[in-house]
Amino acid sequence: MITEGNIGNVSGSTDEFEFSAPAGTNNQVNKTFKIELTPAAGYFFTDNLAAGLSIGFNYYNSTSKVYLTTGTLAQQTKSVTPALSIAPFVRYYFTGNETLRFYGQVKGGMVFTVSDKNETTGYNSSGIATSKYIKNSPQKPRSTFGDALVGINYFLSKNIALNSSIG
């Protein structure tokens, strides 16, 4: 039996840049946060061949603010997008020793966007909100994906291993 957990791609960023506009130079600040949790479980059909399923949760949150030359907030956009994924996989372990085994894996699946919420607020030169656009739609979109990777397991005991992969 294979049981794995992946807290892959926990990331956050802030960037700031200036751009020219008819009224002068504006400043934009973007902040993003993203997390993916992807537990997986599988079953060994032979000593070297396993198949299983991973189920993932993705969360993306971003905020973008545009400031006028005076420092007054001109526009703010917020976006939140959670998604779920499901992907079967097949993994083949190449011969190795008791502590170190290389493997190849193929996986393919679907991502289901749970919702997509975008909110944009416009402000006048005094910083007072003058317009608001909200898009909050439950999503039906699905996307498919597939990947192939190679990896290595370092077994700490017969049933516990550290896993690393590229692909």
Foldseek 3Di string as FASTA:
>chain_A
DDKDKDFPDFDKDKDKDWDADPVGIKIKIKIKTKTKIKIKDWDDPDPFKIKTKIKMKMKMKMKMWMADPVRATFKIKIKIKIKMKMKIKMKGWDDDDQFKIKIKMKMKIKIAIQWIWMKMWGADPVNHTDDIDIDIDGDGDMDMDMDMKMKMWGDPDNRDTDIDIDD
